[in-house]
Amino acid sequence: MFNNSLKSIWPNQVTPNSFPNLTKIVIDSCRSQYVFPIYVAKVLRQLQVLKISFCTIENIVEESDSTCDMMVVYLEVRKCHHMMTIVPSSVQFHSLDELHVYKCHGLVNIIMPSTITNLPNLRILRISECDELEEIYGSNNESDDAPLGEIAFMKLEELTLKYLPRLTSFCQGSYNFKFSSLQKVHLKECLVMETFCHGNITTTSHIEVRCLYGWSNEESEDHWVGDLNTTIRTIFTKENTEQNLNSSSESDDG
């Protein structure tokens, strides 16, 4: 853990054998544009757990024309408000199993377009309290005449989305999605999420889709109604109808 006056934590030069036993890094309150210079990221071959919080970083790894594959298995990013995306095109997380993102209010997406192949083993994705987040898979660079493609999350089993006031869908573009292993979707206070995606979606035959309530995150009944898009639309309609009824009742009481 580092204090908030620290701006650099890495030596100017490293060798391929640097940090051979480093498996976990926890960084807190670091004032820097990024956590890892590209030359450092390339040698951290044993790093498995990375936790970053209260930092001014814009990127986990320094922007570069070259790419690097980080061997991180567990990644947690918390209260880093300057970040606009978690997985840029220049960084590959081929070993990443769990990704947790909390209270990063500057995020516009989690995954940049065309980088899902960099996350082939992602199993758990949990996003909470990111006020500006409108989509998980970014579509900002999608052109009007771009061909429809299929985005495959082959290993993703669990998706949790909580307190995301501007999230309208998993992706606002017209991509097709394939979730071969998805088993659970948990939602809480995603009140403008009208549908899961705007293209076709292929999933397992049944996914538990449950809303979470209260401080203890009590689970609702399973909302599954045959496909993920229809299920999310049904939840959206139900929650907004209930909200309108509650608002009307409060107005009448007043």
Protein backbone atom coordinates (compact mmCIF):
# COMPACT_ATOMS: atom_id res chain seq x y z
CA MET A 1 0.00 0.00 0.00
CA PHE A 2 1.36 3.37 -0.95
CA ASN A 3 0.73 6.89 0.33
CA ASN A 4 -0.81 9.69 -1.69
CA SER A 5 2.47 11.56 -2.24
CA LEU A 6 3.97 8.72 -4.26
CA LYS A 7 4.12 9.30 -8.01
CA SER A 8 6.41 6.48 -9.16
CA ILE A 9 7.04 3.04 -7.67
CA TRP A 10 9.11 1.33 -10.37
CA PRO A 11 12.80 1.52 -11.28
CA ASN A 12 13.78 3.06 -14.59
CA GLN A 13 15.06 -0.24 -15.92
CA VAL A 14 14.06 -3.85 -15.34
CA THR A 15 15.28 -7.19 -16.64
CA PRO A 16 13.14 -10.12 -17.82
CA ASN A 17 13.86 -11.80 -14.47
CA SER A 18 12.78 -8.86 -12.31
CA PHE A 19 10.20 -9.50 -9.56
CA PRO A 20 10.20 -13.31 -10.03
CA ASN A 21 8.17 -13.97 -6.86
CA LEU A 22 5.75 -11.04 -6.95
CA THR A 23 2.22 -12.53 -7.02
CA LYS A 24 0.07 -9.81 -5.39
CA ILE A 25 0.04 -6.01 -5.52
CA VAL A 26 -2.28 -3.71 -3.55
CA ILE A 27 -2.07 -0.02 -4.44
CA ASP A 28 -3.94 2.69 -2.53
CA SER A 29 -3.96 6.48 -3.00
CA CYS A 30 -1.28 6.68 -5.66
CA ARG A 31 -1.00 9.88 -7.71
CA SER A 32 0.06 8.71 -11.14
CA GLN A 33 -1.36 8.55 -14.67
CA TYR A 34 -0.95 4.77 -14.77
CA VAL A 35 0.13 1.93 -12.47
CA PHE A 36 2.58 0.10 -14.70
CA PRO A 37 4.99 1.40 -17.32
CA ILE A 38 4.76 -0.92 -20.31
CA TYR A 39 8.26 -2.30 -19.69
CA VAL A 40 7.29 -3.29 -16.14
CA ALA A 41 3.95 -4.83 -17.11
CA LYS A 42 5.75 -7.13 -19.54
CA VAL A 43 7.98 -8.70 -16.86
CA LEU A 44 5.40 -9.29 -14.11
CA ARG A 45 4.83 -12.86 -15.20
CA GLN A 46 3.88 -14.17 -11.74
CA LEU A 47 1.46 -11.41 -10.75
CA GLN A 48 -1.93 -12.98 -10.01
CA VAL A 49 -3.81 -10.53 -7.75
CA LEU A 50 -4.02 -6.79 -8.41
CA LYS A 51 -6.09 -4.40 -6.29
CA ILE A 52 -6.15 -0.65 -7.01
CA SER A 53 -8.12 1.95 -5.06
CA PHE A 54 -8.32 5.74 -4.54
CA CYS A 55 -5.84 6.43 -7.36
CA THR A 56 -5.70 9.17 -9.98
CA ILE A 57 -4.76 6.71 -12.71
CA GLU A 58 -6.28 6.90 -16.19
CA ASN A 59 -4.99 3.47 -17.25
CA ILE A 60 -3.67 0.40 -15.50
CA VAL A 61 -0.84 0.11 -18.00
CA GLU A 62 0.92 2.95 -19.78
CA GLU A 63 -0.52 3.62 -23.24
CA SER A 64 1.76 2.16 -25.88
CA ASP A 65 1.85 1.05 -29.50
CA SER A 66 2.89 -2.40 -28.30
CA THR A 67 0.69 -4.82 -26.35
CA CYS A 68 1.37 -6.86 -23.25
CA ASP A 69 -0.27 -9.85 -21.63
CA MET A 70 -0.68 -9.55 -17.88
CA MET A 71 -1.10 -12.83 -16.02
CA VAL A 72 -3.45 -11.38 -13.39
CA VAL A 73 -6.19 -13.77 -12.25
CA TYR A 74 -8.06 -11.40 -9.90
CA LEU A 75 -8.41 -7.68 -10.67
CA GLU A 76 -10.22 -5.19 -8.44
CA VAL A 77 -10.49 -1.47 -9.18
CA ARG A 78 -12.16 0.82 -6.66
CA LYS A 79 -12.72 4.59 -6.57
CA CYS A 80 -10.43 5.48 -9.47
CA HIS A 81 -12.54 8.28 -10.96
CA HIS A 82 -10.18 9.27 -13.79
CA MET A 83 -10.39 5.92 -15.57
CA MET A 84 -12.62 5.77 -18.66
CA THR A 85 -12.19 2.06 -19.39
CA ILE A 86 -10.76 -0.91 -17.52
CA VAL A 87 -9.59 -3.13 -20.40
CA PRO A 88 -7.99 -1.08 -23.20
CA SER A 89 -6.97 -2.55 -26.53
CA SER A 90 -3.25 -2.55 -25.65
CA VAL A 91 -3.54 -4.86 -22.62
CA GLN A 92 -4.39 -8.54 -22.70
CA PHE A 93 -5.70 -10.32 -19.61
CA HIS A 94 -5.70 -13.87 -20.93
CA SER A 95 -5.63 -15.37 -17.42
CA LEU A 96 -8.19 -13.07 -15.78
CA ASP A 97 -10.83 -15.04 -13.86
CA GLU A 98 -12.54 -12.32 -11.80
CA LEU A 99 -13.02 -8.61 -12.49
CA HIS A 100 -14.54 -6.35 -9.80
CA VAL A 101 -15.11 -2.62 -10.37
CA TYR A 102 -16.58 -0.32 -7.71
CA LYS A 103 -17.31 3.41 -7.56
CA CYS A 104 -15.27 4.48 -10.58
CA HIS A 105 -17.46 7.39 -11.61
CA GLY A 106 -15.52 8.38 -14.73
CA LEU A 107 -15.94 5.06 -16.51
CA VAL A 108 -17.86 5.12 -19.80
CA ASN A 109 -17.34 1.41 -20.47
CA ILE A 110 -15.52 -1.56 -18.97
CA ILE A 111 -14.22 -3.23 -22.11
CA MET A 112 -13.04 -1.37 -25.19
CA PRO A 113 -14.40 -2.54 -28.57
CA SER A 114 -12.52 -5.40 -30.24
CA THR A 115 -10.76 -6.45 -27.02
CA ILE A 116 -12.98 -9.26 -25.75
CA THR A 117 -10.47 -11.79 -27.13
CA ASN A 118 -8.17 -10.38 -24.45
CA LEU A 119 -10.47 -11.87 -21.77
CA PRO A 120 -10.97 -15.48 -22.84
CA ASN A 121 -11.14 -16.88 -19.29
CA LEU A 122 -13.22 -14.25 -17.53
CA ARG A 123 -15.65 -16.12 -15.24
CA ILE A 124 -17.01 -13.51 -12.82
CA LEU A 125 -17.77 -9.86 -13.65
CA ARG A 126 -19.12 -7.53 -10.93
CA ILE A 127 -19.72 -3.82 -11.50
CA SER A 128 -21.17 -1.49 -8.87
CA GLU A 129 -21.77 2.24 -8.31
CA CYS A 130 -20.22 3.70 -11.46
CA ASP A 131 -22.38 6.77 -12.07
CA GLU A 132 -21.42 7.54 -15.68
CA LEU A 133 -21.34 3.98 -17.00
CA GLU A 134 -23.78 3.53 -19.90
CA GLU A 135 -22.57 0.19 -21.28
CA ILE A 136 -20.22 -2.63 -20.30
CA TYR A 137 -18.88 -3.48 -23.75
CA GLY A 138 -18.01 -0.20 -25.45
CA SER A 139 -19.48 0.73 -28.81
CA ASN A 140 -18.20 4.29 -29.10
CA ASN A 141 -16.03 3.44 -32.11
CA GLU A 142 -18.70 1.53 -33.97
CA SER A 143 -19.37 3.08 -37.38
CA ASP A 144 -22.80 3.06 -38.95
CA ASP A 145 -21.64 0.74 -41.73
CA ALA A 146 -19.65 -1.62 -39.51
CA PRO A 147 -20.51 -5.29 -40.13
CA LEU A 148 -22.33 -7.10 -37.36
CA GLY A 149 -20.00 -9.35 -35.43
CA GLU A 150 -20.43 -11.87 -32.64
CA ILE A 151 -18.78 -11.10 -29.30
CA ALA A 152 -18.19 -14.29 -27.31
CA PHE A 153 -17.80 -14.45 -23.54
CA MET A 154 -17.09 -18.16 -23.50
CA LYS A 155 -16.28 -18.64 -19.79
CA LEU A 156 -18.42 -15.98 -18.10
CA GLU A 157 -20.61 -17.63 -15.45
CA GLU A 158 -21.74 -14.79 -13.20
CA LEU A 159 -22.62 -11.16 -13.98
CA THR A 160 -23.56 -8.68 -11.23
CA LEU A 161 -24.65 -5.10 -12.00
CA LYS A 162 -25.51 -2.85 -9.06
CA TYR A 163 -26.33 0.86 -8.64
CA LEU A 164 -25.65 1.89 -12.24
CA PRO A 165 -28.03 4.82 -12.83
CA ARG A 166 -27.08 5.41 -16.50
CA LEU A 167 -26.62 1.84 -17.70
CA THR A 168 -29.05 1.27 -20.57
CA SER A 169 -27.73 -2.08 -21.82
CA PHE A 170 -24.72 -4.37 -21.78
CA CYS A 171 -23.80 -2.85 -25.15
CA GLN A 172 -25.46 -0.03 -27.07
CA GLY A 173 -24.07 -1.21 -30.42
CA SER A 174 -25.63 -3.75 -32.75
CA TYR A 175 -23.23 -6.58 -31.98
CA ASN A 176 -24.38 -10.15 -31.48
CA PHE A 177 -23.33 -11.77 -28.19
CA LYS A 178 -22.65 -15.34 -27.16
CA PHE A 179 -22.55 -16.41 -23.51
CA SER A 180 -21.82 -20.13 -23.54
CA SER A 181 -21.45 -20.56 -19.77
CA LEU A 182 -23.57 -17.82 -18.18
CA GLN A 183 -25.50 -19.13 -15.17
CA LYS A 184 -26.40 -16.13 -13.00
CA VAL A 185 -27.26 -12.47 -13.54
CA HIS A 186 -27.82 -10.25 -10.49
CA LEU A 187 -29.29 -6.76 -10.84
CA LYS A 188 -29.79 -3.96 -8.34
CA GLU A 189 -30.90 -0.38 -9.02
CA CYS A 190 -30.21 -0.38 -12.76
CA LEU A 191 -33.43 1.46 -13.46
CA VAL A 192 -32.79 2.60 -17.05
CA MET A 193 -31.53 -0.77 -18.32
CA GLU A 194 -34.23 -1.45 -20.91
CA THR A 195 -32.68 -4.47 -22.63
CA PHE A 196 -29.55 -6.57 -22.41
CA CYS A 197 -28.24 -5.91 -25.92
CA HIS A 198 -29.47 -4.65 -29.29
CA GLY A 199 -28.21 -7.53 -31.41
CA ASN A 200 -28.93 -11.24 -31.23
CA ILE A 201 -27.86 -13.11 -28.11
CA THR A 202 -27.00 -16.77 -27.62
CA THR A 203 -26.98 -18.17 -24.07
CA THR A 204 -27.44 -21.35 -22.13
CA SER A 205 -31.01 -22.66 -22.00
CA HIS A 206 -31.67 -21.17 -18.56
CA ILE A 207 -30.03 -18.32 -16.64
CA GLU A 208 -30.97 -17.32 -13.09
CA VAL A 209 -31.85 -13.63 -13.31
CA ARG A 210 -32.51 -12.18 -9.87
CA CYS A 211 -32.90 -8.67 -8.51
CA LEU A 212 -31.20 -7.77 -5.23
CA TYR A 213 -32.95 -5.80 -2.48
CA GLY A 214 -32.01 -4.06 0.76
CA TRP A 215 -28.68 -3.74 2.52
CA SER A 216 -28.35 -7.51 2.77
CA ASN A 217 -28.85 -7.99 -1.00
CA GLU A 218 -31.78 -10.33 -0.54
CA GLU A 219 -32.48 -12.14 -3.80
CA SER A 220 -35.81 -11.99 -5.64
CA GLU A 221 -37.38 -14.95 -7.35
CA ASP A 222 -35.89 -16.05 -10.64
CA HIS A 223 -37.21 -13.72 -13.39
CA TRP A 224 -36.13 -15.88 -16.36
CA VAL A 225 -38.73 -15.92 -19.13
CA GLY A 226 -36.96 -17.74 -21.93
CA ASP A 227 -34.27 -15.36 -23.19
CA LEU A 228 -32.08 -12.68 -21.66
CA ASN A 229 -33.34 -9.69 -23.65
CA THR A 230 -37.00 -10.43 -22.88
CA THR A 231 -36.17 -11.03 -19.22
CA ILE A 232 -34.42 -7.68 -18.82
CA ARG A 233 -37.25 -5.86 -20.62
CA THR A 234 -39.78 -7.52 -18.32
CA ILE A 235 -37.85 -6.43 -15.22
CA PHE A 236 -37.50 -2.89 -16.59
CA THR A 237 -41.24 -2.62 -17.26
CA LYS A 238 -42.18 -4.05 -13.86
CA GLU A 239 -39.80 -1.86 -11.84
CA ASN A 240 -40.75 1.32 -13.66
CA THR A 241 -44.46 0.55 -13.29
CA GLU A 242 -43.96 0.05 -9.56
CA GLN A 243 -41.94 3.25 -9.34
CA ASN A 244 -44.65 5.24 -11.11
CA LEU A 245 -47.33 3.78 -8.84
CA ASN A 246 -45.30 4.67 -5.76
CA SER A 247 -44.75 8.21 -7.05
CA SER A 248 -48.46 8.57 -7.77
CA SER A 249 -49.35 7.28 -4.29
CA GLU A 250 -46.93 9.75 -2.65
CA SER A 251 -48.45 12.60 -4.66
CA ASP A 252 -51.96 11.63 -3.58
CA ASP A 253 -50.88 11.44 0.06
CA GLY A 254 -49.35 14.88 -0.22
